[in-house]
Amino acid sequence: EANLHKIPHLKEFYLYFNDDYILGSPVFIEDFFIDGRCPVIYGDDRLTANTNLTLNIHKKAMLNTNALLNGLLSKANARTNDSDRRFLPHAPHPLRKSIVEQVWVSKFADTQREQSSHRFRDMNDVHPTYFVSRFLIEQSNACVEQRRMKSGCPLDGQDFCNQVLTNNYSKVTEYFDGLRLRSRMPKFLSINDRTTTNYTYQDIIHWEFQRFLKEMFPQKSKFESKDCTI
């Protein structure tokens, strides 16, 4: 993730999505870049400052990133409230190649080099996309817009729905049925499977998931059709 900007022939403006993401409704440039140049950063309602219980490798990366950002406060914008940093959820992440290069190459080359040396995720890692996003937000002259999204899948959430499938068959079917009843699908839909292999209904949940996808998205994308040309 910290090296995406090195992809050959990558354009200045690009999007990074987590691999559990679905575009449920038409999207527009303004959903990602304001005035065609300023990235839109989507944060949720959880504060990273509350990351202290059941610490895992993802939460630790957030805290490591905050520590780096704290060292920049006096240099960038002393008025920044470091306690108002929000989790960067599974969401669309609009990025600019020149800004990412500025962060990693010009300012934090050692951090990027160290992280890239880890074959697997490490408790000393930072969160690359969260870091670049917060770096932009905390620069007083940065061209950026913040938008808040609720965690979970609220009924009034027209644009976002981040849902985790767990070992609860009735809740899973209720969730899929709720999406079917909406007037339109959310623009940004994330479905993360956290069922366990020893759960009796795991296969049925996976079948329900596949049925939902085939029903709501019957046509293959260009990517699935092996035609990635635009």
C-alpha atoms as a PDB file:
ATOM      1  CA  GLU A   1       0.000   0.000   0.000  1.00  0.00           C
ATOM      2  CA  ALA A   2       2.897   2.350   0.696  1.00  0.00           C
ATOM      3  CA  ASN A   3       4.243   1.710  -2.808  1.00  0.00           C
ATOM      4  CA  LEU A   4       1.156   2.101  -4.987  1.00  0.00           C
ATOM      5  CA  HIS A   5       2.465   5.405  -6.313  1.00  0.00           C
ATOM      6  CA  LYS A   6       5.318   3.485  -7.962  1.00  0.00           C
ATOM      7  CA  ILE A   7       3.039   1.567 -10.334  1.00  0.00           C
ATOM      8  CA  PRO A   8       4.358   2.182 -13.871  1.00  0.00           C
ATOM      9  CA  HIS A   9       2.359   4.728 -15.901  1.00  0.00           C
ATOM     10  CA  LEU A  10       0.165   5.605 -12.905  1.00  0.00           C
ATOM     11  CA  LYS A  11      -1.590   8.934 -13.485  1.00  0.00           C
ATOM     12  CA  GLU A  12      -1.489  11.936 -11.150  1.00  0.00           C
ATOM     13  CA  PHE A  13      -5.054  11.327  -9.923  1.00  0.00           C
ATOM     14  CA  TYR A  14      -5.902   7.786  -8.887  1.00  0.00           C
ATOM     15  CA  LEU A  15      -8.255   5.833  -6.612  1.00  0.00           C
ATOM     16  CA  TYR A  16      -7.413   3.163  -4.090  1.00  0.00           C
ATOM     17  CA  PHE A  17     -10.161   0.810  -2.903  1.00  0.00           C
ATOM     18  CA  ASN A  18     -10.074  -2.031  -0.406  1.00  0.00           C
ATOM     19  CA  ASP A  19     -10.740  -5.349  -2.126  1.00  0.00           C
ATOM     20  CA  ASP A  20     -14.130  -5.852  -0.431  1.00  0.00           C
ATOM     21  CA  TYR A  21     -15.627  -2.793  -2.097  1.00  0.00           C
ATOM     22  CA  ILE A  22     -18.534  -2.552  -4.531  1.00  0.00           C
ATOM     23  CA  LEU A  23     -19.842   0.484  -6.396  1.00  0.00           C
ATOM     24  CA  GLY A  24     -23.585   0.065  -5.952  1.00  0.00           C
ATOM     25  CA  SER A  25     -24.755   3.189  -7.810  1.00  0.00           C
ATOM     26  CA  PRO A  26     -23.277   5.610 -10.344  1.00  0.00           C
ATOM     27  CA  VAL A  27     -20.406   7.725  -9.027  1.00  0.00           C
ATOM     28  CA  PHE A  28     -18.980  11.001 -10.273  1.00  0.00           C
ATOM     29  CA  ILE A  29     -15.633  12.787 -10.243  1.00  0.00           C
ATOM     30  CA  GLU A  30     -16.999  15.067  -7.488  1.00  0.00           C
ATOM     31  CA  ASP A  31     -17.333  12.028  -5.213  1.00  0.00           C
ATOM     32  CA  PHE A  32     -13.548  11.779  -5.239  1.00  0.00           C
ATOM     33  CA  PHE A  33     -11.994  15.104  -6.262  1.00  0.00           C
ATOM     34  CA  ILE A  34     -13.440  18.582  -5.691  1.00  0.00           C
ATOM     35  CA  ASP A  35     -12.894  20.954  -8.618  1.00  0.00           C
ATOM     36  CA  GLY A  36     -11.134  18.085 -10.318  1.00  0.00           C
ATOM     37  CA  ARG A  37      -8.061  18.371  -8.101  1.00  0.00           C
ATOM     38  CA  CYS A  38      -8.752  18.362  -4.334  1.00  0.00           C
ATOM     39  CA  PRO A  39      -9.049  14.847  -2.816  1.00  0.00           C
ATOM     40  CA  VAL A  40     -12.172  13.984  -0.817  1.00  0.00           C
ATOM     41  CA  ILE A  41     -11.235  12.125   2.355  1.00  0.00           C
ATOM     42  CA  TYR A  42     -13.859   9.906   3.955  1.00  0.00           C
ATOM     43  CA  GLY A  43     -13.544   9.295   7.698  1.00  0.00           C
ATOM     44  CA  ASP A  44     -16.022   7.551   9.968  1.00  0.00           C
ATOM     45  CA  ASP A  45     -17.433   8.325  13.414  1.00  0.00           C
ATOM     46  CA  ARG A  46     -14.764   6.510  15.453  1.00  0.00           C
ATOM     47  CA  LEU A  47     -11.864   8.431  16.966  1.00  0.00           C
ATOM     48  CA  THR A  48      -8.401   6.896  16.700  1.00  0.00           C
ATOM     49  CA  ALA A  49      -7.664   8.361  20.139  1.00  0.00           C
ATOM     50  CA  ASN A  50     -10.022   5.702  21.557  1.00  0.00           C
ATOM     51  CA  THR A  51      -7.842   2.907  20.180  1.00  0.00           C
ATOM     52  CA  ASN A  52      -6.603   1.409  23.419  1.00  0.00           C
ATOM     53  CA  LEU A  53      -8.547  -1.811  24.037  1.00  0.00           C
ATOM     54  CA  THR A  54      -8.098  -5.139  22.204  1.00  0.00           C
ATOM     55  CA  LEU A  55      -5.201  -3.645  20.286  1.00  0.00           C
ATOM     56  CA  ASN A  56      -4.539  -5.419  17.011  1.00  0.00           C
ATOM     57  CA  ILE A  57      -2.120  -4.824  14.161  1.00  0.00           C
ATOM     58  CA  HIS A  58      -4.512  -2.473  12.341  1.00  0.00           C
ATOM     59  CA  LYS A  59      -5.209  -0.292  15.379  1.00  0.00           C
ATOM     60  CA  LYS A  60      -1.501  -0.236  16.274  1.00  0.00           C
ATOM     61  CA  ALA A  61      -0.743   1.083  12.782  1.00  0.00           C
ATOM     62  CA  MET A  62      -3.164   3.956  13.442  1.00  0.00           C
ATOM     63  CA  LEU A  63      -1.413   4.805  16.714  1.00  0.00           C
ATOM     64  CA  ASN A  64       2.019   4.612  15.073  1.00  0.00           C
ATOM     65  CA  THR A  65       0.765   6.968  12.381  1.00  0.00           C
ATOM     66  CA  ASN A  66      -0.594   9.411  14.966  1.00  0.00           C
ATOM     67  CA  ALA A  67       2.827   9.478  16.628  1.00  0.00           C
ATOM     68  CA  LEU A  68       4.420  10.536  13.329  1.00  0.00           C
ATOM     69  CA  LEU A  69       1.723  13.144  12.756  1.00  0.00           C
ATOM     70  CA  ASN A  70       2.191  14.567  16.255  1.00  0.00           C
ATOM     71  CA  GLY A  71       5.796  15.318  15.368  1.00  0.00           C
ATOM     72  CA  LEU A  72       4.572  17.453  12.479  1.00  0.00           C
ATOM     73  CA  LEU A  73       2.040  19.576  14.357  1.00  0.00           C
ATOM     74  CA  SER A  74       4.422  22.390  15.237  1.00  0.00           C
ATOM     75  CA  LYS A  75       5.797  22.418  11.699  1.00  0.00           C
ATOM     76  CA  ALA A  76       2.482  22.380   9.863  1.00  0.00           C
ATOM     77  CA  ASN A  77      -0.479  23.693  11.807  1.00  0.00           C
ATOM     78  CA  ALA A  78      -0.201  24.137  15.542  1.00  0.00           C
ATOM     79  CA  ARG A  79      -3.954  24.648  15.799  1.00  0.00           C
ATOM     80  CA  THR A  80      -4.709  21.118  14.627  1.00  0.00           C
ATOM     81  CA  ASN A  81      -6.668  19.136  17.195  1.00  0.00           C
ATOM     82  CA  ASP A  82      -4.869  15.804  17.242  1.00  0.00           C
ATOM     83  CA  SER A  83      -7.719  14.257  19.271  1.00  0.00           C
ATOM     84  CA  ASP A  84     -10.135  14.730  16.352  1.00  0.00           C
ATOM     85  CA  ARG A  85      -8.456  12.179  14.092  1.00  0.00           C
ATOM     86  CA  ARG A  86     -11.006   9.730  12.746  1.00  0.00           C
ATOM     87  CA  PHE A  87     -10.559   6.171  11.590  1.00  0.00           C
ATOM     88  CA  LEU A  88     -10.048   5.793   7.876  1.00  0.00           C
ATOM     89  CA  PRO A  89     -12.581   3.057   7.099  1.00  0.00           C
ATOM     90  CA  HIS A  90     -12.906   0.848   4.067  1.00  0.00           C
ATOM     91  CA  ALA A  91     -13.832   3.569   1.628  1.00  0.00           C
ATOM     92  CA  PRO A  92     -12.773   5.078  -1.668  1.00  0.00           C
ATOM     93  CA  HIS A  93      -9.403   6.747  -1.206  1.00  0.00           C
ATOM     94  CA  PRO A  94      -8.698   9.447  -3.836  1.00  0.00           C
ATOM     95  CA  LEU A  95      -4.980  10.171  -4.015  1.00  0.00           C
ATOM     96  CA  ARG A  96      -2.604  12.373  -5.961  1.00  0.00           C
ATOM     97  CA  LYS A  97       0.658  10.827  -7.031  1.00  0.00           C
ATOM     98  CA  SER A  98       2.668  14.022  -6.486  1.00  0.00           C
ATOM     99  CA  ILE A  99       1.399  14.371  -2.907  1.00  0.00           C
ATOM    100  CA  VAL A 100       2.100  10.741  -2.045  1.00  0.00           C
ATOM    101  CA  GLU A 101       5.620  11.107  -3.439  1.00  0.00           C
ATOM    102  CA  GLN A 102       6.091  14.282  -1.419  1.00  0.00           C
ATOM    103  CA  VAL A 103       5.130  12.486   1.791  1.00  0.00           C
ATOM    104  CA  TRP A 104       7.094   9.284   1.264  1.00  0.00           C
ATOM    105  CA  VAL A 105      10.101  10.412  -0.774  1.00  0.00           C
ATOM    106  CA  SER A 106      10.733  13.942   0.462  1.00  0.00           C
ATOM    107  CA  LYS A 107       9.703  13.690   4.098  1.00  0.00           C
ATOM    108  CA  PHE A 108       9.500  10.093   5.316  1.00  0.00           C
ATOM    109  CA  ALA A 109      11.775   8.043   3.085  1.00  0.00           C
ATOM    110  CA  ASP A 110      13.217   6.104   6.039  1.00  0.00           C
ATOM    111  CA  THR A 111       9.752   5.199   7.341  1.00  0.00           C
ATOM    112  CA  GLN A 112       8.643   4.067   3.900  1.00  0.00           C
ATOM    113  CA  ARG A 113      11.818   2.052   3.354  1.00  0.00           C
ATOM    114  CA  GLU A 114      11.505   0.328   6.733  1.00  0.00           C
ATOM    115  CA  GLN A 115       7.858  -0.549   6.200  1.00  0.00           C
ATOM    116  CA  SER A 116       8.537  -1.862   2.704  1.00  0.00           C
ATOM    117  CA  SER A 117      11.133  -4.242   4.131  1.00  0.00           C
ATOM    118  CA  HIS A 118       8.429  -6.094   6.105  1.00  0.00           C
ATOM    119  CA  ARG A 119       7.198  -9.098   4.177  1.00  0.00           C
ATOM    120  CA  PHE A 120       4.095  -9.250   6.352  1.00  0.00           C
ATOM    121  CA  ARG A 121       2.259  -6.666   8.431  1.00  0.00           C
ATOM    122  CA  ASP A 122       4.206  -5.616  11.488  1.00  0.00           C
ATOM    123  CA  MET A 123       3.239  -3.978  14.781  1.00  0.00           C
ATOM    124  CA  ASN A 124       5.703  -1.181  13.968  1.00  0.00           C
ATOM    125  CA  ASP A 125       4.037  -0.308  10.653  1.00  0.00           C
ATOM    126  CA  VAL A 126       2.158   2.890   9.944  1.00  0.00           C
ATOM    127  CA  HIS A 127      -1.118   3.065   8.011  1.00  0.00           C
ATOM    128  CA  PRO A 128       0.020   4.461   4.619  1.00  0.00           C
ATOM    129  CA  THR A 129      -3.282   5.785   3.264  1.00  0.00           C
ATOM    130  CA  TYR A 130      -4.415   7.133   6.637  1.00  0.00           C
ATOM    131  CA  PHE A 131      -1.028   8.843   6.978  1.00  0.00           C
ATOM    132  CA  VAL A 132      -1.211  10.593   3.599  1.00  0.00           C
ATOM    133  CA  SER A 133      -4.850  11.580   4.199  1.00  0.00           C
ATOM    134  CA  ARG A 134      -4.224  13.031   7.656  1.00  0.00           C
ATOM    135  CA  PHE A 135      -1.067  14.737   6.427  1.00  0.00           C
ATOM    136  CA  LEU A 136      -3.194  16.561   3.857  1.00  0.00           C
ATOM    137  CA  ILE A 137      -5.906  17.467   6.376  1.00  0.00           C
ATOM    138  CA  GLU A 138      -3.423  18.863   8.882  1.00  0.00           C
ATOM    139  CA  GLN A 139      -1.627  21.132   6.424  1.00  0.00           C
ATOM    140  CA  SER A 140      -3.102  24.607   6.743  1.00  0.00           C
ATOM    141  CA  ASN A 141      -2.836  25.285   2.994  1.00  0.00           C
ATOM    142  CA  ALA A 142      -3.867  21.839   1.749  1.00  0.00           C
ATOM    143  CA  CYS A 143      -6.440  21.402  -0.986  1.00  0.00           C
ATOM    144  CA  VAL A 144      -8.695  18.759   0.550  1.00  0.00           C
ATOM    145  CA  GLU A 145     -12.287  18.140   1.663  1.00  0.00           C
ATOM    146  CA  GLN A 146     -13.377  15.917   4.550  1.00  0.00           C
ATOM    147  CA  ARG A 147     -16.624  13.957   4.532  1.00  0.00           C
ATOM    148  CA  ARG A 148     -17.958  11.911   7.415  1.00  0.00           C
ATOM    149  CA  MET A 149     -19.492   8.483   7.011  1.00  0.00           C
ATOM    150  CA  LYS A 150     -21.229   6.419   9.683  1.00  0.00           C
ATOM    151  CA  SER A 151     -19.799   3.040  10.547  1.00  0.00           C
ATOM    152  CA  GLY A 152     -22.080   0.105   9.819  1.00  0.00           C
ATOM    153  CA  CYS A 153     -24.986   0.269   7.399  1.00  0.00           C
ATOM    154  CA  PRO A 154     -27.604   2.792   8.606  1.00  0.00           C
ATOM    155  CA  LEU A 155     -30.974   2.803   6.862  1.00  0.00           C
ATOM    156  CA  ASP A 156     -30.597   6.517   6.146  1.00  0.00           C
ATOM    157  CA  GLY A 157     -27.118   6.077   4.700  1.00  0.00           C
ATOM    158  CA  GLN A 158     -27.634   6.763   1.014  1.00  0.00           C
ATOM    159  CA  ASP A 159     -23.996   6.740  -0.016  1.00  0.00           C
ATOM    160  CA  PHE A 160     -22.214   4.376   2.375  1.00  0.00           C
ATOM    161  CA  CYS A 161     -22.745   0.895   3.718  1.00  0.00           C
ATOM    162  CA  ASN A 162     -19.877  -0.898   5.455  1.00  0.00           C
ATOM    163  CA  GLN A 163     -21.063  -4.247   6.759  1.00  0.00           C
ATOM    164  CA  VAL A 164     -19.346  -7.195   8.440  1.00  0.00           C
ATOM    165  CA  LEU A 165     -20.818 -10.679   8.003  1.00  0.00           C
ATOM    166  CA  THR A 166     -20.572 -12.592  11.290  1.00  0.00           C
ATOM    167  CA  ASN A 167     -21.762 -15.926  12.656  1.00  0.00           C
ATOM    168  CA  ASN A 168     -25.369 -14.790  12.772  1.00  0.00           C
ATOM    169  CA  TYR A 169     -27.444 -16.142   9.893  1.00  0.00           C
ATOM    170  CA  SER A 170     -30.623 -14.207  10.735  1.00  0.00           C
ATOM    171  CA  LYS A 171     -28.784 -10.867  10.822  1.00  0.00           C
ATOM    172  CA  VAL A 172     -27.048 -11.641   7.534  1.00  0.00           C
ATOM    173  CA  THR A 173     -30.338 -12.369   5.747  1.00  0.00           C
ATOM    174  CA  GLU A 174     -31.909  -9.289   7.357  1.00  0.00           C
ATOM    175  CA  TYR A 175     -29.018  -7.190   6.057  1.00  0.00           C
ATOM    176  CA  PHE A 176     -29.274  -8.454   2.471  1.00  0.00           C
ATOM    177  CA  ASP A 177     -33.070  -8.115   2.487  1.00  0.00           C
ATOM    178  CA  GLY A 178     -32.712  -4.536   3.727  1.00  0.00           C
ATOM    179  CA  LEU A 179     -30.433  -3.674   0.819  1.00  0.00           C
ATOM    180  CA  ARG A 180     -32.904  -5.209  -1.638  1.00  0.00           C
ATOM    181  CA  LEU A 181     -35.691  -2.961  -0.313  1.00  0.00           C
ATOM    182  CA  ARG A 182     -33.798   0.285  -0.800  1.00  0.00           C
ATOM    183  CA  SER A 183     -34.854   2.640  -3.568  1.00  0.00           C
ATOM    184  CA  ARG A 184     -31.277   2.507  -4.769  1.00  0.00           C
ATOM    185  CA  MET A 185     -28.099   0.766  -3.707  1.00  0.00           C
ATOM    186  CA  PRO A 186     -25.489   2.776  -1.767  1.00  0.00           C
ATOM    187  CA  LYS A 187     -22.787   4.293  -3.919  1.00  0.00           C
ATOM    188  CA  PHE A 188     -20.095   2.725  -1.772  1.00  0.00           C
ATOM    189  CA  LEU A 189     -20.757  -0.756  -0.441  1.00  0.00           C
ATOM    190  CA  SER A 190     -18.247  -2.767   1.599  1.00  0.00           C
ATOM    191  CA  ILE A 191     -19.060  -6.332   2.682  1.00  0.00           C
ATOM    192  CA  ASN A 192     -16.432  -7.995   4.851  1.00  0.00           C
ATOM    193  CA  ASP A 193     -16.693 -11.713   5.616  1.00  0.00           C
ATOM    194  CA  ARG A 194     -15.742 -12.597   9.199  1.00  0.00           C
ATOM    195  CA  THR A 195     -17.642 -15.845   9.525  1.00  0.00           C
ATOM    196  CA  THR A 196     -15.611 -18.749  10.900  1.00  0.00           C
ATOM    197  CA  THR A 197     -15.108 -22.184   9.372  1.00  0.00           C
ATOM    198  CA  ASN A 198     -16.561 -23.951  12.415  1.00  0.00           C
ATOM    199  CA  TYR A 199     -19.870 -22.060  12.173  1.00  0.00           C
ATOM    200  CA  THR A 200     -22.703 -24.369  11.098  1.00  0.00           C
ATOM    201  CA  TYR A 201     -24.252 -21.894   8.677  1.00  0.00           C
ATOM    202  CA  GLN A 202     -21.094 -20.488   7.083  1.00  0.00           C
ATOM    203  CA  ASP A 203     -21.726 -22.205   3.726  1.00  0.00           C
ATOM    204  CA  ILE A 204     -25.328 -20.979   3.706  1.00  0.00           C
ATOM    205  CA  ILE A 205     -24.209 -17.416   4.472  1.00  0.00           C
ATOM    206  CA  HIS A 206     -21.730 -17.582   1.600  1.00  0.00           C
ATOM    207  CA  TRP A 207     -24.501 -18.871  -0.660  1.00  0.00           C
ATOM    208  CA  GLU A 208     -26.784 -15.999   0.415  1.00  0.00           C
ATOM    209  CA  PHE A 209     -23.969 -13.562  -0.302  1.00  0.00           C
ATOM    210  CA  GLN A 210     -23.393 -14.969  -3.796  1.00  0.00           C
ATOM    211  CA  ARG A 211     -27.132 -14.977  -4.493  1.00  0.00           C
ATOM    212  CA  PHE A 212     -27.363 -11.333  -3.479  1.00  0.00           C
ATOM    213  CA  LEU A 213     -24.453 -10.347  -5.736  1.00  0.00           C
ATOM    214  CA  LYS A 214     -25.813 -12.230  -8.752  1.00  0.00           C
ATOM    215  CA  GLU A 215     -29.273 -10.775  -8.203  1.00  0.00           C
ATOM    216  CA  MET A 216     -28.226  -7.154  -7.705  1.00  0.00           C
ATOM    217  CA  PHE A 217     -25.279  -7.126 -10.124  1.00  0.00           C
ATOM    218  CA  PRO A 218     -26.245  -9.517 -12.938  1.00  0.00           C
ATOM    219  CA  GLN A 219     -23.920  -8.029 -15.558  1.00  0.00           C
ATOM    220  CA  LYS A 220     -20.201  -8.703 -15.439  1.00  0.00           C
ATOM    221  CA  SER A 221     -17.883  -5.726 -15.203  1.00  0.00           C
ATOM    222  CA  LYS A 222     -15.180  -5.118 -17.788  1.00  0.00           C
ATOM    223  CA  PHE A 223     -12.667  -6.359 -15.241  1.00  0.00           C
ATOM    224  CA  GLU A 224     -14.515  -9.660 -14.820  1.00  0.00           C
ATOM    225  CA  SER A 225     -14.876  -9.939 -18.590  1.00  0.00           C
ATOM    226  CA  LYS A 226     -11.094  -9.549 -18.942  1.00  0.00           C
ATOM    227  CA  ASP A 227     -11.624  -6.314 -20.829  1.00  0.00           C
ATOM    228  CA  CYS A 228     -10.171  -3.591 -18.632  1.00  0.00           C
ATOM    229  CA  THR A 229     -10.107  -0.924 -21.327  1.00  0.00           C
ATOM    230  CA  ILE A 230     -12.117   2.201 -20.624  1.00  0.00           C
END
